Amino acid sequence: MRISQKNDTSSPGYHLCGNRLNTVSETKDLGFYIMSNLTWSLQATKCANKAKSVLGFVRRTVGPNNPDLFSKLYKSLARPILEYSSLVWSPHLKKDIATLEKVQRRASRFALDTTANDMSYEDRMKRLKWPTSVKGELYHHSLNASRQ
């Protein structure tokens, strides 16, 4: 992988022991995705998709009848996926934050068995006692964990 912010698509061929190496634009290392242009959008998308998958499993397993259990399972199974190595890739673009926030918005609707029109996001967060900002919570959680 050639890391550069230039839009130059012609990259020199790299060789190792006479064999040409394949060129890739992204790779997964230590559990997070690195892109050749050093953006983290792919990481945010992959985290959100995996967390949504876990969220769907929790929803199918628990159902809407037990918001406390759903909340505990969300916090212990889905949130860690969103938080993994967030201190390294700290989402800062609005679109990446929105991608992650969308998972929590969906989880809050599932937990309380409501639609987006029934109750505001902030009211759902207060009722569930969840932080309203995924980005702020990710950063503070990761920072506190790294200090311990």
C-alpha atoms as a PDB file:
ATOM      1  CA  MET A   1       0.000   0.000   0.000  1.00  0.00           C
ATOM      2  CA  ARG A   2       1.277   3.419  -0.884  1.00  0.00           C
ATOM      3  CA  ILE A   3       0.135   6.024   1.634  1.00  0.00           C
ATOM      4  CA  SER A   4      -0.377   9.455   0.135  1.00  0.00           C
ATOM      5  CA  GLN A   5      -2.938  12.231   0.047  1.00  0.00           C
ATOM      6  CA  LYS A   6      -2.257  12.890  -3.617  1.00  0.00           C
ATOM      7  CA  ASN A   7      -4.833  11.798  -6.152  1.00  0.00           C
ATOM      8  CA  ASP A   8      -2.097  10.302  -8.312  1.00  0.00           C
ATOM      9  CA  THR A   9      -3.331   6.851  -9.308  1.00  0.00           C
ATOM     10  CA  SER A  10      -0.122   5.830 -11.012  1.00  0.00           C
ATOM     11  CA  SER A  11       2.032   4.267  -8.356  1.00  0.00           C
ATOM     12  CA  PRO A  12       5.447   2.778  -8.896  1.00  0.00           C
ATOM     13  CA  GLY A  13       5.609  -0.975  -8.907  1.00  0.00           C
ATOM     14  CA  TYR A  14       7.098  -2.429  -5.765  1.00  0.00           C
ATOM     15  CA  HIS A  15       9.123  -5.616  -5.922  1.00  0.00           C
ATOM     16  CA  LEU A  16      10.368  -8.027  -3.283  1.00  0.00           C
ATOM     17  CA  CYS A  17      12.923 -10.671  -4.271  1.00  0.00           C
ATOM     18  CA  GLY A  18      12.061 -10.118  -7.913  1.00  0.00           C
ATOM     19  CA  ASN A  19       8.307 -10.591  -7.376  1.00  0.00           C
ATOM     20  CA  ARG A  20       5.943  -7.687  -7.975  1.00  0.00           C
ATOM     21  CA  LEU A  21       3.787  -6.909  -4.942  1.00  0.00           C
ATOM     22  CA  ASN A  22       0.038  -6.381  -5.381  1.00  0.00           C
ATOM     23  CA  THR A  23      -1.194  -2.849  -4.801  1.00  0.00           C
ATOM     24  CA  VAL A  24      -4.074  -2.341  -2.373  1.00  0.00           C
ATOM     25  CA  SER A  25      -5.924   0.799  -1.325  1.00  0.00           C
ATOM     26  CA  GLU A  26      -6.898  -0.456   2.132  1.00  0.00           C
ATOM     27  CA  THR A  27      -5.839  -3.105   4.596  1.00  0.00           C
ATOM     28  CA  LYS A  28      -6.892  -4.376   7.982  1.00  0.00           C
ATOM     29  CA  ASP A  29      -4.264  -4.338  10.707  1.00  0.00           C
ATOM     30  CA  LEU A  30      -4.743  -4.869  14.441  1.00  0.00           C
ATOM     31  CA  GLY A  31      -8.503  -4.814  14.011  1.00  0.00           C
ATOM     32  CA  PHE A  32      -8.953  -1.530  12.188  1.00  0.00           C
ATOM     33  CA  TYR A  33      -8.918  -0.531   8.549  1.00  0.00           C
ATOM     34  CA  ILE A  34      -6.197   1.690   7.164  1.00  0.00           C
ATOM     35  CA  MET A  35      -6.747   3.381   3.809  1.00  0.00           C
ATOM     36  CA  SER A  36      -4.049   4.663   1.501  1.00  0.00           C
ATOM     37  CA  ASN A  37      -5.374   8.244   1.745  1.00  0.00           C
ATOM     38  CA  LEU A  38      -5.433   8.024   5.576  1.00  0.00           C
ATOM     39  CA  THR A  39      -9.174   8.566   5.940  1.00  0.00           C
ATOM     40  CA  TRP A  40     -11.160   6.544   8.452  1.00  0.00           C
ATOM     41  CA  SER A  41     -14.515   6.347   6.685  1.00  0.00           C
ATOM     42  CA  LEU A  42     -14.094   2.656   5.914  1.00  0.00           C
ATOM     43  CA  GLN A  43     -13.347   1.989   9.605  1.00  0.00           C
ATOM     44  CA  ALA A  44     -16.496   3.853  10.676  1.00  0.00           C
ATOM     45  CA  THR A  45     -18.605   1.981   8.127  1.00  0.00           C
ATOM     46  CA  LYS A  46     -17.210  -1.438   9.068  1.00  0.00           C
ATOM     47  CA  CYS A  47     -17.694  -0.749  12.803  1.00  0.00           C
ATOM     48  CA  ALA A  48     -21.246   0.469  12.261  1.00  0.00           C
ATOM     49  CA  ASN A  49     -22.152  -2.534  10.100  1.00  0.00           C
ATOM     50  CA  LYS A  50     -20.755  -5.014  12.601  1.00  0.00           C
ATOM     51  CA  ALA A  51     -22.477  -3.241  15.511  1.00  0.00           C
ATOM     52  CA  LYS A  52     -25.781  -3.208  13.566  1.00  0.00           C
ATOM     53  CA  SER A  53     -25.447  -6.929  13.027  1.00  0.00           C
ATOM     54  CA  VAL A  54     -24.943  -7.525  16.753  1.00  0.00           C
ATOM     55  CA  LEU A  55     -27.775  -5.112  17.502  1.00  0.00           C
ATOM     56  CA  GLY A  56     -30.103  -7.120  15.249  1.00  0.00           C
ATOM     57  CA  PHE A  57     -29.112 -10.323  17.015  1.00  0.00           C
ATOM     58  CA  VAL A  58     -29.820  -8.758  20.418  1.00  0.00           C
ATOM     59  CA  ARG A  59     -33.162  -7.436  19.180  1.00  0.00           C
ATOM     60  CA  ARG A  60     -34.206 -10.847  17.844  1.00  0.00           C
ATOM     61  CA  THR A  61     -33.066 -12.563  21.043  1.00  0.00           C
ATOM     62  CA  VAL A  62     -34.419 -10.197  23.699  1.00  0.00           C
ATOM     63  CA  GLY A  63     -37.279  -8.482  21.910  1.00  0.00           C
ATOM     64  CA  PRO A  64     -38.883  -5.188  22.918  1.00  0.00           C
ATOM     65  CA  ASN A  65     -40.307  -6.379  26.245  1.00  0.00           C
ATOM     66  CA  ASN A  66     -37.212  -5.872  28.383  1.00  0.00           C
ATOM     67  CA  PRO A  67     -35.526  -2.467  27.878  1.00  0.00           C
ATOM     68  CA  ASP A  68     -33.133  -2.943  30.809  1.00  0.00           C
ATOM     69  CA  LEU A  69     -31.755  -6.219  29.492  1.00  0.00           C
ATOM     70  CA  PHE A  70     -31.603  -4.839  25.957  1.00  0.00           C
ATOM     71  CA  SER A  71     -29.688  -1.807  27.242  1.00  0.00           C
ATOM     72  CA  LYS A  72     -27.176  -3.965  29.104  1.00  0.00           C
ATOM     73  CA  LEU A  73     -26.631  -6.214  26.092  1.00  0.00           C
ATOM     74  CA  TYR A  74     -26.233  -3.216  23.777  1.00  0.00           C
ATOM     75  CA  LYS A  75     -23.650  -1.672  26.105  1.00  0.00           C
ATOM     76  CA  SER A  76     -21.721  -4.919  26.509  1.00  0.00           C
ATOM     77  CA  LEU A  77     -21.922  -6.318  22.963  1.00  0.00           C
ATOM     78  CA  ALA A  78     -22.473  -3.547  20.410  1.00  0.00           C
ATOM     79  CA  ARG A  79     -20.840  -0.485  22.007  1.00  0.00           C
ATOM     80  CA  PRO A  80     -17.407  -2.125  22.350  1.00  0.00           C
ATOM     81  CA  ILE A  81     -17.413  -2.679  18.586  1.00  0.00           C
ATOM     82  CA  LEU A  82     -17.950   1.049  18.048  1.00  0.00           C
ATOM     83  CA  GLU A  83     -15.362   1.925  20.690  1.00  0.00           C
ATOM     84  CA  TYR A  84     -12.580  -0.447  19.612  1.00  0.00           C
ATOM     85  CA  SER A  85      -9.339   1.527  19.113  1.00  0.00           C
ATOM     86  CA  SER A  86     -11.302   4.766  18.758  1.00  0.00           C
ATOM     87  CA  LEU A  87      -8.454   6.630  20.417  1.00  0.00           C
ATOM     88  CA  VAL A  88      -6.359   5.754  17.367  1.00  0.00           C
ATOM     89  CA  TRP A  89      -8.868   6.519  14.624  1.00  0.00           C
ATOM     90  CA  SER A  90     -11.010   9.031  16.548  1.00  0.00           C
ATOM     91  CA  PRO A  91     -13.881   9.860  14.186  1.00  0.00           C
ATOM     92  CA  HIS A  92     -13.791  13.546  13.373  1.00  0.00           C
ATOM     93  CA  LEU A  93     -15.653  13.883  10.078  1.00  0.00           C
ATOM     94  CA  LYS A  94     -19.363  14.639  10.468  1.00  0.00           C
ATOM     95  CA  LYS A  95     -20.303  11.804   8.118  1.00  0.00           C
ATOM     96  CA  ASP A  96     -18.282   9.263  10.153  1.00  0.00           C
ATOM     97  CA  ILE A  97     -19.771  10.472  13.433  1.00  0.00           C
ATOM     98  CA  ALA A  98     -23.248  10.295  11.871  1.00  0.00           C
ATOM     99  CA  THR A  99     -22.572   6.726  10.725  1.00  0.00           C
ATOM    100  CA  LEU A 100     -21.730   5.676  14.288  1.00  0.00           C
ATOM    101  CA  GLU A 101     -24.480   7.778  15.850  1.00  0.00           C
ATOM    102  CA  LYS A 102     -27.053   6.116  13.592  1.00  0.00           C
ATOM    103  CA  VAL A 103     -26.357   2.782  15.299  1.00  0.00           C
ATOM    104  CA  GLN A 104     -27.053   4.258  18.727  1.00  0.00           C
ATOM    105  CA  ARG A 105     -30.190   5.999  17.467  1.00  0.00           C
ATOM    106  CA  ARG A 106     -31.461   2.681  16.141  1.00  0.00           C
ATOM    107  CA  ALA A 107     -30.541   0.896  19.384  1.00  0.00           C
ATOM    108  CA  SER A 108     -32.443   3.459  21.449  1.00  0.00           C
ATOM    109  CA  ARG A 109     -35.557   2.976  19.306  1.00  0.00           C
ATOM    110  CA  PHE A 110     -35.263  -0.813  19.653  1.00  0.00           C
ATOM    111  CA  ALA A 111     -34.706  -0.601  23.422  1.00  0.00           C
ATOM    112  CA  LEU A 112     -37.838   1.452  23.986  1.00  0.00           C
ATOM    113  CA  ASP A 113     -39.831  -0.114  21.131  1.00  0.00           C
ATOM    114  CA  THR A 114     -40.586   3.289  19.593  1.00  0.00           C
ATOM    115  CA  THR A 115     -40.275   4.963  16.224  1.00  0.00           C
ATOM    116  CA  ALA A 116     -38.284   8.117  15.526  1.00  0.00           C
ATOM    117  CA  ASN A 117     -41.511  10.159  15.599  1.00  0.00           C
ATOM    118  CA  ASP A 118     -42.716   8.861  18.984  1.00  0.00           C
ATOM    119  CA  MET A 119     -39.941  10.335  21.111  1.00  0.00           C
ATOM    120  CA  SER A 120     -36.942  12.552  20.393  1.00  0.00           C
ATOM    121  CA  TYR A 121     -33.459  11.087  20.408  1.00  0.00           C
ATOM    122  CA  GLU A 122     -32.449  13.188  23.414  1.00  0.00           C
ATOM    123  CA  ASP A 123     -35.505  12.029  25.387  1.00  0.00           C
ATOM    124  CA  ARG A 124     -34.726   8.399  24.577  1.00  0.00           C
ATOM    125  CA  MET A 125     -31.132   8.905  25.737  1.00  0.00           C
ATOM    126  CA  LYS A 126     -32.295  10.451  29.028  1.00  0.00           C
ATOM    127  CA  ARG A 127     -34.775   7.662  29.635  1.00  0.00           C
ATOM    128  CA  LEU A 128     -32.151   4.980  28.925  1.00  0.00           C
ATOM    129  CA  LYS A 129     -29.405   6.941  30.734  1.00  0.00           C
ATOM    130  CA  TRP A 130     -27.108   6.658  27.708  1.00  0.00           C
ATOM    131  CA  PRO A 131     -24.715   9.407  26.570  1.00  0.00           C
ATOM    132  CA  THR A 132     -26.115  11.442  23.690  1.00  0.00           C
ATOM    133  CA  SER A 133     -22.871  11.734  21.760  1.00  0.00           C
ATOM    134  CA  VAL A 134     -21.156   8.636  20.445  1.00  0.00           C
ATOM    135  CA  LYS A 135     -17.996  10.575  19.546  1.00  0.00           C
ATOM    136  CA  GLY A 136     -17.621  12.209  22.954  1.00  0.00           C
ATOM    137  CA  GLU A 137     -18.304   8.967  24.771  1.00  0.00           C
ATOM    138  CA  LEU A 138     -15.900   7.022  22.549  1.00  0.00           C
ATOM    139  CA  TYR A 139     -13.107   9.492  23.147  1.00  0.00           C
ATOM    140  CA  HIS A 140     -13.581   9.795  26.899  1.00  0.00           C
ATOM    141  CA  HIS A 141     -14.057   6.050  27.379  1.00  0.00           C
ATOM    142  CA  SER A 142     -10.918   5.232  25.404  1.00  0.00           C
ATOM    143  CA  LEU A 143      -8.882   7.954  27.103  1.00  0.00           C
ATOM    144  CA  ASN A 144      -9.895   6.704  30.560  1.00  0.00           C
ATOM    145  CA  ALA A 145      -9.124   3.093  29.579  1.00  0.00           C
ATOM    146  CA  SER A 146      -5.663   4.061  28.306  1.00  0.00           C
ATOM    147  CA  ARG A 147      -4.839   5.805  31.598  1.00  0.00           C
ATOM    148  CA  GLN A 148      -5.606   2.710  33.679  1.00  0.00           C
END
